[in-house]
PDB file of N, CA and C in Angstrom:
ATOM      1  N   MET A   1      86.003 112.844 114.402  1.00  0.00           N
ATOM      2  CA  MET A   1      86.664 112.066 115.180  1.00  0.00           C
ATOM      3  C   MET A   1      87.075 110.415 114.426  1.00  0.00           C
ATOM      4  N   ALA A   2      86.194 109.813 113.868  1.00  0.00           N
ATOM      5  CA  ALA A   2      86.699 108.414 113.427  1.00  0.00           C
ATOM      6  C   ALA A   2      87.794 108.663 112.314  1.00  0.00           C
ATOM      7  N   ARG A   3      87.556 109.725 111.487  1.00  0.00           N
ATOM      8  CA  ARG A   3      88.843 109.534 110.697  1.00  0.00           C
ATOM      9  C   ARG A   3      90.188 109.993 111.388  1.00  0.00           C
ATOM     10  N   GLN A   4      90.048 110.732 112.636  1.00  0.00           N
ATOM     11  CA  GLN A   4      91.424 110.685 113.285  1.00  0.00           C
ATOM     12  C   GLN A   4      91.839 109.362 113.967  1.00  0.00           C
ATOM     13  N   VAL A   5      90.921 108.433 114.219  1.00  0.00           N
ATOM     14  CA  VAL A   5      90.925 107.377 115.074  1.00  0.00           C
ATOM     15  C   VAL A   5      91.752 106.368 113.591  1.00  0.00           C
ATOM     16  N   VAL A   6      91.453 106.455 112.803  1.00  0.00           N
ATOM     17  CA  VAL A   6      91.741 105.413 111.647  1.00  0.00           C
ATOM     18  C   VAL A   6      92.978 106.029 111.217  1.00  0.00           C
ATOM     19  N   ALA A   7      93.069 107.521 111.204  1.00  0.00           N
ATOM     20  CA  ALA A   7      94.907 107.862 110.842  1.00  0.00           C
ATOM     21  C   ALA A   7      95.823 107.488 112.068  1.00  0.00           C
ATOM     22  N   ALA A   8      95.442 107.557 113.215  1.00  0.00           N
ATOM     23  CA  ALA A   8      96.243 106.945 114.345  1.00  0.00           C
ATOM     24  C   ALA A   8      96.488 105.679 114.229  1.00  0.00           C
ATOM     25  N   TYR A   9      95.592 105.085 113.902  1.00  0.00           N
ATOM     26  CA  TYR A   9      95.911 103.644 113.894  1.00  0.00           C
ATOM     27  C   TYR A   9      96.810 103.401 112.739  1.00  0.00           C
ATOM     28  N   ALA A  10      96.875 103.745 111.536  1.00  0.00           N
ATOM     29  CA  ALA A  10      97.904 103.448 110.163  1.00  0.00           C
ATOM     30  C   ALA A  10      98.943 104.276 110.673  1.00  0.00           C
ATOM     31  N   SER A  11      99.181 105.106 111.477  1.00  0.00           N
ATOM     32  CA  SER A  11     100.637 105.491 111.918  1.00  0.00           C
ATOM     33  C   SER A  11     101.231 104.610 112.916  1.00  0.00           C
ATOM     34  N   ALA A  12     100.130 104.006 113.816  1.00  0.00           N
ATOM     35  CA  ALA A  12     100.747 102.971 114.778  1.00  0.00           C
ATOM     36  C   ALA A  12     101.189 101.717 114.168  1.00  0.00           C
ATOM     37  N   LEU A  13     100.573 101.096 113.144  1.00  0.00           N
ATOM     38  CA  LEU A  13     101.002 100.124 112.457  1.00  0.00           C
ATOM     39  C   LEU A  13     102.379 100.436 111.564  1.00  0.00           C
ATOM     40  N   ARG A  14     102.556 101.449 111.392  1.00  0.00           N
ATOM     41  CA  ARG A  14     103.891 102.085 110.513  1.00  0.00           C
ATOM     42  C   ARG A  14     105.036 102.058 111.754  1.00  0.00           C
ATOM     43  N   LEU A  15     104.655 102.662 112.823  1.00  0.00           N
ATOM     44  CA  LEU A  15     105.528 102.506 114.138  1.00  0.00           C
ATOM     45  C   LEU A  15     106.001 101.285 114.631  1.00  0.00           C
ATOM     46  N   LEU A  16     104.851 100.356 114.674  1.00  0.00           N
ATOM     47  CA  LEU A  16     105.121  99.319 115.255  1.00  0.00           C
ATOM     48  C   LEU A  16     105.863  97.985 114.449  1.00  0.00           C
ATOM     49  N   ASP A  17     106.097  98.695 113.133  1.00  0.00           N
ATOM     50  CA  ASP A  17     106.438  97.904 112.061  1.00  0.00           C
ATOM     51  C   ASP A  17     105.456  96.689 111.606  1.00  0.00           C
ATOM     52  N   ALA A  18     104.448  96.594 111.954  1.00  0.00           N
ATOM     53  CA  ALA A  18     103.459  95.668 111.585  1.00  0.00           C
ATOM     54  C   ALA A  18     103.619  95.248 110.402  1.00  0.00           C
ATOM     55  N   PRO A  19     103.391  93.991 109.755  1.00  0.00           N
ATOM     56  CA  PRO A  19     103.542  93.472 108.287  1.00  0.00           C
ATOM     57  C   PRO A  19     102.027  93.794 107.810  1.00  0.00           C
ATOM     58  N   ALA A  20     101.565  95.039 107.741  1.00  0.00           N
ATOM     59  CA  ALA A  20     100.234  95.180 107.469  1.00  0.00           C
ATOM     60  C   ALA A  20      99.815  96.678 106.609  1.00  0.00           C
ATOM     61  N   GLY A  21      98.955  96.461 105.698  1.00  0.00           N
ATOM     62  CA  GLY A  21      98.801  97.714 104.815  1.00  0.00           C
ATOM     63  C   GLY A  21      96.971  97.925 104.438  1.00  0.00           C
ATOM     64  N   PRO A  22      96.657  98.902 104.223  1.00  0.00           N
ATOM     65  CA  PRO A  22      95.299  99.012 104.082  1.00  0.00           C
ATOM     66  C   PRO A  22      94.803  98.522 102.633  1.00  0.00           C
ATOM     67  N   VAL A  23      93.591  97.985 102.848  1.00  0.00           N
ATOM     68  CA  VAL A  23      92.930  97.284 101.619  1.00  0.00           C
ATOM     69  C   VAL A  23      91.707  97.836 101.051  1.00  0.00           C
ATOM     70  N   GLU A  24      90.972  97.929 100.151  1.00  0.00           N
ATOM     71  CA  GLU A  24      89.670  98.198  99.649  1.00  0.00           C
ATOM     72  C   GLU A  24      89.056  97.141  99.158  1.00  0.00           C
ATOM     73  N   ILE A  25      88.143  96.678  99.683  1.00  0.00           N
ATOM     74  CA  ILE A  25      87.380  95.241  99.142  1.00  0.00           C
ATOM     75  C   ILE A  25      85.977  96.048  98.341  1.00  0.00           C
ATOM     76  N   PRO A  26      86.269  95.466  96.823  1.00  0.00           N
ATOM     77  CA  PRO A  26      85.017  96.018  96.135  1.00  0.00           C
ATOM     78  C   PRO A  26      83.569  95.307  96.761  1.00  0.00           C
ATOM     79  N   TYR A  27      82.626  96.289  96.949  1.00  0.00           N
ATOM     80  CA  TYR A  27      81.490  95.953  97.464  1.00  0.00           C
ATOM     81  C   TYR A  27      80.103  96.558  96.627  1.00  0.00           C
ATOM     82  N   ALA A  28      79.638  96.068  96.009  1.00  0.00           N
ATOM     83  CA  ALA A  28      78.329  96.859  95.442  1.00  0.00           C
ATOM     84  C   ALA A  28      79.131  97.920  94.812  1.00  0.00           C
ATOM     85  N   ASP A  29      78.385  99.257  94.868  1.00  0.00           N
ATOM     86  CA  ASP A  29      79.082 100.355  94.283  1.00  0.00           C
ATOM     87  C   ASP A  29      80.100 101.347  95.076  1.00  0.00           C
ATOM     88  N   THR A  30      80.585 100.497  96.044  1.00  0.00           N
ATOM     89  CA  THR A  30      81.599 101.261  96.728  1.00  0.00           C
ATOM     90  C   THR A  30      82.604 100.210  97.114  1.00  0.00           C
ATOM     91  N   THR A  31      83.379 100.306  98.277  1.00  0.00           N
ATOM     92  CA  THR A  31      84.084  99.390  98.848  1.00  0.00           C
ATOM     93  C   THR A  31      84.573  99.355 100.263  1.00  0.00           C
ATOM     94  N   LEU A  32      84.802  98.249 101.100  1.00  0.00           N
ATOM     95  CA  LEU A  32      84.778  98.209 102.327  1.00  0.00           C
ATOM     96  C   LEU A  32      86.033  98.120 102.891  1.00  0.00           C
ATOM     97  N   PRO A  33      86.322  98.922 103.743  1.00  0.00           N
ATOM     98  CA  PRO A  33      88.062  99.073 104.069  1.00  0.00           C
ATOM     99  C   PRO A  33      88.411  98.100 105.266  1.00  0.00           C
ATOM    100  N   GLY A  34      89.593  97.977 105.153  1.00  0.00           N
ATOM    101  CA  GLY A  34      90.211  96.977 106.080  1.00  0.00           C
ATOM    102  C   GLY A  34      91.752  97.137 106.050  1.00  0.00           C
ATOM    103  N   TYR A  35      92.244  95.991 106.580  1.00  0.00           N
ATOM    104  CA  TYR A  35      93.901  95.859 106.578  1.00  0.00           C
ATOM    105  C   TYR A  35      94.318  94.250 106.329  1.00  0.00           C
ATOM    106  N   PHE A  36      95.434  94.316 105.663  1.00  0.00           N
ATOM    107  CA  PHE A  36      96.034  92.913 105.330  1.00  0.00           C
ATOM    108  C   PHE A  36      97.020  92.648 105.913  1.00  0.00           C
ATOM    109  N   PHE A  37      97.050  91.601 107.069  1.00  0.00           N
ATOM    110  CA  PHE A  37      98.313  91.527 107.430  1.00  0.00           C
ATOM    111  C   PHE A  37      99.172  90.233 106.928  1.00  0.00           C
ATOM    112  N   HIS A  38     100.387  90.514 106.321  1.00  0.00           N
ATOM    113  CA  HIS A  38     101.488  89.465 105.884  1.00  0.00           C
ATOM    114  C   HIS A  38     102.507  88.629 106.651  1.00  0.00           C
ATOM    115  N   CYS A  39     102.011  87.390 106.850  1.00  0.00           N
ATOM    116  CA  CYS A  39     103.010  86.765 107.956  1.00  0.00           C
ATOM    117  C   CYS A  39     104.365  86.360 106.990  1.00  0.00           C
ATOM    118  N   PRO A  40     105.099  87.206 107.663  1.00  0.00           N
ATOM    119  CA  PRO A  40     106.776  87.303 106.801  1.00  0.00           C
ATOM    120  C   PRO A  40     107.049  85.621 106.993  1.00  0.00           C
ATOM    121  N   HIS A  41     106.544  84.895 108.011  1.00  0.00           N
ATOM    122  CA  HIS A  41     107.654  83.504 107.620  1.00  0.00           C
ATOM    123  C   HIS A  41     106.466  82.506 107.209  1.00  0.00           C
ATOM    124  N   ALA A  42     105.257  83.033 106.789  1.00  0.00           N
ATOM    125  CA  ALA A  42     104.503  81.844 106.159  1.00  0.00           C
ATOM    126  C   ALA A  42     104.689  81.306 104.652  1.00  0.00           C
ATOM    127  N   ALA A  43     104.282  80.308 103.991  1.00  0.00           N
ATOM    128  CA  ALA A  43     104.622  79.581 102.789  1.00  0.00           C
ATOM    129  C   ALA A  43     103.487  80.622 102.143  1.00  0.00           C
ATOM    130  N   PRO A  44     104.130  80.854 100.720  1.00  0.00           N
ATOM    131  CA  PRO A  44     103.392  81.966  99.671  1.00  0.00           C
ATOM    132  C   PRO A  44     102.193  81.956  99.796  1.00  0.00           C
ATOM    133  N   LYS A  45     101.628  80.434  99.733  1.00  0.00           N
ATOM    134  CA  LYS A  45     100.145  80.228  99.726  1.00  0.00           C
ATOM    135  C   LYS A  45      99.679  79.869 101.118  1.00  0.00           C
ATOM    136  N   ALA A  46      99.874  80.493 102.085  1.00  0.00           N
ATOM    137  CA  ALA A  46      99.608  80.113 103.478  1.00  0.00           C
ATOM    138  C   ALA A  46      98.057  80.584 103.500  1.00  0.00           C
ATOM    139  N   PRO A  47      97.480  80.061 104.470  1.00  0.00           N
ATOM    140  CA  PRO A  47      95.895  80.142 104.865  1.00  0.00           C
ATOM    141  C   PRO A  47      95.966  81.638 105.257  1.00  0.00           C
ATOM    142  N   VAL A  48      94.624  82.575 105.129  1.00  0.00           N
ATOM    143  CA  VAL A  48      94.175  83.701 105.690  1.00  0.00           C
ATOM    144  C   VAL A  48      93.247  83.347 106.381  1.00  0.00           C
ATOM    145  N   LEU A  49      93.388  84.042 107.416  1.00  0.00           N
ATOM    146  CA  LEU A  49      91.991  84.055 108.591  1.00  0.00           C
ATOM    147  C   LEU A  49      91.553  85.333 108.077  1.00  0.00           C
ATOM    148  N   ILE A  50      90.062  85.528 108.091  1.00  0.00           N
ATOM    149  CA  ILE A  50      89.362  86.540 107.498  1.00  0.00           C
ATOM    150  C   ILE A  50      88.444  86.938 109.024  1.00  0.00           C
ATOM    151  N   VAL A  51      88.620  88.047 109.270  1.00  0.00           N
ATOM    152  CA  VAL A  51      87.956  88.625 110.452  1.00  0.00           C
ATOM    153  C   VAL A  51      86.687  89.465 110.165  1.00  0.00           C
ATOM    154  N   HIS A  52      85.600  89.317 110.366  1.00  0.00           N
ATOM    155  CA  HIS A  52      84.606  89.842 110.267  1.00  0.00           C
ATOM    156  C   HIS A  52      84.057  90.297 111.743  1.00  0.00           C
ATOM    157  N   GLN A  53      84.402  90.896 112.302  1.00  0.00           N
ATOM    158  CA  GLN A  53      83.966  91.348 113.613  1.00  0.00           C
ATOM    159  C   GLN A  53      82.455  91.714 113.624  1.00  0.00           C
ATOM    160  N   GLY A  54      81.798  91.496 114.903  1.00  0.00           N
ATOM    161  CA  GLY A  54      80.563  91.689 114.899  1.00  0.00           C
ATOM    162  C   GLY A  54      80.480  93.140 115.654  1.00  0.00           C
ATOM    163  N   ARG A  55      79.187  93.455 115.522  1.00  0.00           N
ATOM    164  CA  ARG A  55      78.174  94.350 116.272  1.00  0.00           C
ATOM    165  C   ARG A  55      78.943  95.778 116.278  1.00  0.00           C
ATOM    166  N   ASP A  56      79.725  96.297 117.288  1.00  0.00           N
ATOM    167  CA  ASP A  56      80.115  97.807 117.648  1.00  0.00           C
ATOM    168  C   ASP A  56      81.515  97.845 117.117  1.00  0.00           C
ATOM    169  N   ALA A  57      82.394  96.760 117.254  1.00  0.00           N
ATOM    170  CA  ALA A  57      83.752  96.537 116.830  1.00  0.00           C
ATOM    171  C   ALA A  57      84.222  96.965 115.584  1.00  0.00           C
ATOM    172  N   TRP A  58      85.412  97.761 115.471  1.00  0.00           N
ATOM    173  CA  TRP A  58      85.795  97.858 114.195  1.00  0.00           C
ATOM    174  C   TRP A  58      87.195  97.151 114.170  1.00  0.00           C
ATOM    175  N   ALA A  59      87.551  96.875 112.521  1.00  0.00           N
ATOM    176  CA  ALA A  59      88.670  96.592 112.119  1.00  0.00           C
ATOM    177  C   ALA A  59      89.765  96.788 112.988  1.00  0.00           C
ATOM    178  N   GLU A  60      90.329  98.080 113.286  1.00  0.00           N
ATOM    179  CA  GLU A  60      91.455  98.510 114.333  1.00  0.00           C
ATOM    180  C   GLU A  60      90.921  98.348 115.578  1.00  0.00           C
ATOM    181  N   ASP A  61      89.633  97.472 116.018  1.00  0.00           N
ATOM    182  CA  ASP A  61      89.630  96.858 117.366  1.00  0.00           C
ATOM    183  C   ASP A  61      90.549  95.479 117.564  1.00  0.00           C
ATOM    184  N   CYS A  62      90.703  94.633 116.130  1.00  0.00           N
ATOM    185  CA  CYS A  62      91.138  93.252 115.971  1.00  0.00           C
ATOM    186  C   CYS A  62      92.444  92.961 115.759  1.00  0.00           C
ATOM    187  N   LYS A  63      93.194  93.923 116.221  1.00  0.00           N
ATOM    188  CA  LYS A  63      94.608  93.783 115.846  1.00  0.00           C
ATOM    189  C   LYS A  63      95.324  92.300 116.737  1.00  0.00           C
ATOM    190  N   TYR A  64      94.655  92.249 118.030  1.00  0.00           N
ATOM    191  CA  TYR A  64      95.132  90.999 118.411  1.00  0.00           C
ATOM    192  C   TYR A  64      94.759  89.726 117.867  1.00  0.00           C
ATOM    193  N   LEU A  65      94.014  89.937 117.043  1.00  0.00           N
ATOM    194  CA  LEU A  65      93.371  88.361 116.340  1.00  0.00           C
ATOM    195  C   LEU A  65      94.651  88.273 115.057  1.00  0.00           C
ATOM    196  N   ALA A  66      94.921  89.348 114.787  1.00  0.00           N
ATOM    197  CA  ALA A  66      95.817  89.332 113.575  1.00  0.00           C
ATOM    198  C   ALA A  66      97.110  89.028 113.908  1.00  0.00           C
ATOM    199  N   ASP A  67      97.531  89.613 115.314  1.00  0.00           N
ATOM    200  CA  ASP A  67      98.709  89.011 116.001  1.00  0.00           C
ATOM    201  C   ASP A  67      98.401  87.503 116.010  1.00  0.00           C
ATOM    202  N   GLY A  68      97.675  86.984 116.582  1.00  0.00           N
ATOM    203  CA  GLY A  68      97.476  85.582 116.923  1.00  0.00           C
ATOM    204  C   GLY A  68      97.511  84.805 115.807  1.00  0.00           C
ATOM    205  N   ALA A  69      96.833  85.219 114.758  1.00  0.00           N
ATOM    206  CA  ALA A  69      97.326  84.373 113.405  1.00  0.00           C
ATOM    207  C   ALA A  69      98.604  84.424 112.749  1.00  0.00           C
ATOM    208  N   LEU A  70      99.281  85.816 112.758  1.00  0.00           N
ATOM    209  CA  LEU A  70     100.653  85.789 112.412  1.00  0.00           C
ATOM    210  C   LEU A  70     101.759  85.022 113.073  1.00  0.00           C
ATOM    211  N   GLU A  71     101.422  84.794 114.498  1.00  0.00           N
ATOM    212  CA  GLU A  71     102.221  83.883 115.201  1.00  0.00           C
ATOM    213  C   GLU A  71     101.944  82.377 115.013  1.00  0.00           C
ATOM    214  N   ARG A  72     100.776  82.021 114.240  1.00  0.00           N
ATOM    215  CA  ARG A  72     100.420  80.752 113.787  1.00  0.00           C
ATOM    216  C   ARG A  72     100.960  80.573 112.335  1.00  0.00           C
ATOM    217  N   GLY A  73     101.333  81.301 111.791  1.00  0.00           N
ATOM    218  CA  GLY A  73     101.757  81.105 110.564  1.00  0.00           C
ATOM    219  C   GLY A  73     100.524  81.311 109.436  1.00  0.00           C
ATOM    220  N   TYR A  74      99.594  82.334 109.687  1.00  0.00           N
ATOM    221  CA  TYR A  74      98.336  82.514 108.662  1.00  0.00           C
ATOM    222  C   TYR A  74      98.527  84.204 108.366  1.00  0.00           C
ATOM    223  N   HIS A  75      98.240  84.421 107.185  1.00  0.00           N
ATOM    224  CA  HIS A  75      97.914  85.879 107.022  1.00  0.00           C
ATOM    225  C   HIS A  75      96.468  86.196 107.487  1.00  0.00           C
ATOM    226  N   CYS A  76      96.407  87.390 107.531  1.00  0.00           N
ATOM    227  CA  CYS A  76      95.359  87.819 108.403  1.00  0.00           C
ATOM    228  C   CYS A  76      94.417  89.232 107.419  1.00  0.00           C
ATOM    229  N   LEU A  77      92.817  89.264 107.369  1.00  0.00           N
ATOM    230  CA  LEU A  77      92.327  90.118 106.709  1.00  0.00           C
ATOM    231  C   LEU A  77      91.551  90.706 107.940  1.00  0.00           C
ATOM    232  N   LEU A  78      91.538  91.853 108.273  1.00  0.00           N
ATOM    233  CA  LEU A  78      90.606  92.578 108.893  1.00  0.00           C
ATOM    234  C   LEU A  78      89.838  93.293 107.889  1.00  0.00           C
ATOM    235  N   PHE A  79      88.513  93.653 108.294  1.00  0.00           N
ATOM    236  CA  PHE A  79      87.926  94.699 107.478  1.00  0.00           C
ATOM    237  C   PHE A  79      86.151  94.732 108.204  1.00  0.00           C
ATOM    238  N   ASP A  80      86.018  95.960 107.993  1.00  0.00           N
ATOM    239  CA  ASP A  80      84.621  96.314 108.404  1.00  0.00           C
ATOM    240  C   ASP A  80      83.474  96.162 107.337  1.00  0.00           C
ATOM    241  N   GLY A  81      82.496  95.522 107.470  1.00  0.00           N
ATOM    242  CA  GLY A  81      81.556  95.364 106.541  1.00  0.00           C
ATOM    243  C   GLY A  81      80.384  96.371 106.894  1.00  0.00           C
ATOM    244  N   PRO A  82      79.503  96.265 106.072  1.00  0.00           N
ATOM    245  CA  PRO A  82      78.246  96.992 106.078  1.00  0.00           C
ATOM    246  C   PRO A  82      77.603  97.207 107.554  1.00  0.00           C
ATOM    247  N   GLY A  83      77.442  98.302 108.028  1.00  0.00           N
ATOM    248  CA  GLY A  83      76.961  98.495 109.321  1.00  0.00           C
ATOM    249  C   GLY A  83      77.812  98.504 110.495  1.00  0.00           C
ATOM    250  N   GLN A  84      79.034  98.306 110.072  1.00  0.00           N
ATOM    251  CA  GLN A  84      80.088  98.433 111.243  1.00  0.00           C
ATOM    252  C   GLN A  84      81.025  99.528 111.072  1.00  0.00           C
ATOM    253  N   GLY A  85      81.655 100.077 112.061  1.00  0.00           N
ATOM    254  CA  GLY A  85      83.260 100.619 112.003  1.00  0.00           C
ATOM    255  C   GLY A  85      83.063 101.703 111.055  1.00  0.00           C
ATOM    256  N   ARG A  86      83.969 102.173 110.077  1.00  0.00           N
ATOM    257  CA  ARG A  86      84.096 103.124 109.304  1.00  0.00           C
ATOM    258  C   ARG A  86      83.104 102.882 108.243  1.00  0.00           C
ATOM    259  N   VAL A  87      82.758 101.955 107.931  1.00  0.00           N
ATOM    260  CA  VAL A  87      81.531 101.665 106.696  1.00  0.00           C
ATOM    261  C   VAL A  87      80.338 102.425 107.129  1.00  0.00           C
ATOM    262  N   LEU A  88      79.974 102.095 108.409  1.00  0.00           N
ATOM    263  CA  LEU A  88      78.670 103.016 109.205  1.00  0.00           C
ATOM    264  C   LEU A  88      79.096 104.438 109.246  1.00  0.00           C
ATOM    265  N   ARG A  89      80.082 104.536 110.014  1.00  0.00           N
ATOM    266  CA  ARG A  89      80.418 106.082 110.588  1.00  0.00           C
ATOM    267  C   ARG A  89      80.761 107.042 109.287  1.00  0.00           C
ATOM    268  N   LEU A  90      81.729 106.542 108.254  1.00  0.00           N
ATOM    269  CA  LEU A  90      82.162 107.441 107.307  1.00  0.00           C
ATOM    270  C   LEU A  90      81.318 107.202 105.932  1.00  0.00           C
ATOM    271  N   GLN A  91      80.893 106.201 105.735  1.00  0.00           N
ATOM    272  CA  GLN A  91      80.329 105.851 104.278  1.00  0.00           C
ATOM    273  C   GLN A  91      78.721 106.041 104.456  1.00  0.00           C
ATOM    274  N   GLY A  92      78.266 105.728 105.623  1.00  0.00           N
ATOM    275  CA  GLY A  92      76.835 105.998 105.909  1.00  0.00           C
ATOM    276  C   GLY A  92      76.409 104.564 105.373  1.00  0.00           C
ATOM    277  N   LEU A  93      76.657 103.467 105.386  1.00  0.00           N
ATOM    278  CA  LEU A  93      76.259 102.237 104.881  1.00  0.00           C
ATOM    279  C   LEU A  93      75.932 101.166 105.967  1.00  0.00           C
ATOM    280  N   PRO A  94      74.498 101.005 105.970  1.00  0.00           N
ATOM    281  CA  PRO A  94      74.101 100.616 107.081  1.00  0.00           C
ATOM    282  C   PRO A  94      73.800  98.850 106.834  1.00  0.00           C
ATOM    283  N   PHE A  95      73.668  97.731 107.867  1.00  0.00           N
ATOM    284  CA  PHE A  95      73.762  96.525 107.799  1.00  0.00           C
ATOM    285  C   PHE A  95      72.026  96.712 106.731  1.00  0.00           C
ATOM    286  N   ARG A  96      72.317  95.587 106.044  1.00  0.00           N
ATOM    287  CA  ARG A  96      70.824  95.307 105.257  1.00  0.00           C
ATOM    288  C   ARG A  96      70.809  94.001 104.955  1.00  0.00           C
ATOM    289  N   PRO A  97      69.519  93.645 104.801  1.00  0.00           N
ATOM    290  CA  PRO A  97      68.954  92.373 105.067  1.00  0.00           C
ATOM    291  C   PRO A  97      69.570  91.504 103.753  1.00  0.00           C
ATOM    292  N   THR A  98      69.802  90.109 104.190  1.00  0.00           N
ATOM    293  CA  THR A  98      70.564  89.456 103.286  1.00  0.00           C
ATOM    294  C   THR A  98      69.582  88.465 102.383  1.00  0.00           C
ATOM    295  N   GLY A  99      68.384  88.374 102.791  1.00  0.00           N
ATOM    296  CA  GLY A  99      67.337  87.551 102.087  1.00  0.00           C
ATOM    297  C   GLY A  99      65.853  87.617 102.431  1.00  0.00           C
ATOM    298  N   LYS A 100      65.231  86.966 102.364  1.00  0.00           N
ATOM    299  CA  LYS A 100      63.632  86.805 102.844  1.00  0.00           C
ATOM    300  C   LYS A 100      63.809  86.472 104.268  1.00  0.00           C
ATOM    301  N   PRO A 101      63.151  87.451 105.025  1.00  0.00           N
ATOM    302  CA  PRO A 101      62.758  87.368 106.426  1.00  0.00           C
ATOM    303  C   PRO A 101      62.312  86.003 107.058  1.00  0.00           C
ATOM    304  N   SER A 102      62.736  85.438 108.010  1.00  0.00           N
ATOM    305  CA  SER A 102      62.192  84.296 108.587  1.00  0.00           C
ATOM    306  C   SER A 102      60.495  84.421 108.900  1.00  0.00           C
ATOM    307  N   SER A 103      59.745  83.257 108.691  1.00  0.00           N
ATOM    308  CA  SER A 103      58.652  83.608 109.206  1.00  0.00           C
ATOM    309  C   SER A 103      58.158  82.524 110.336  1.00  0.00           C
ATOM    310  N   ARG A 104      59.446  82.294 111.072  1.00  0.00           N
ATOM    311  CA  ARG A 104      59.348  81.583 112.411  1.00  0.00           C
ATOM    312  C   ARG A 104      59.044  82.657 113.376  1.00  0.00           C
ATOM    313  N   GLN A 105      58.178  82.367 114.379  1.00  0.00           N
ATOM    314  CA  GLN A 105      57.701  83.447 115.583  1.00  0.00           C
ATOM    315  C   GLN A 105      58.191  82.865 116.628  1.00  0.00           C
ATOM    316  N   TRP A 106      58.874  83.963 117.423  1.00  0.00           N
ATOM    317  CA  TRP A 106      59.615  83.639 118.450  1.00  0.00           C
ATOM    318  C   TRP A 106      58.667  83.722 119.880  1.00  0.00           C
TER     319      TRP A 106
END
């Protein structure tokens, strides 16, 4: 099912004539999937809004953020990180700790 959703999203981007394309970001010994939205009226070196959605959201869920960025003259990168979206469901890559656990007691 996840593969079908991703394929449908890619088709929708083409049908909507969205200025976006898939990207693969190198990560460890694999890649992280995402989409780069190129703002057609932005300067060549325009800022890029990097959207790393949280928890259960997928990059495909966040097109509204890319739309807002493009309206404001920003390029936008949507991607799934470890433990999210496609990376978790199709690549089996979970969240991982980023350092030493806190010794703080809650």
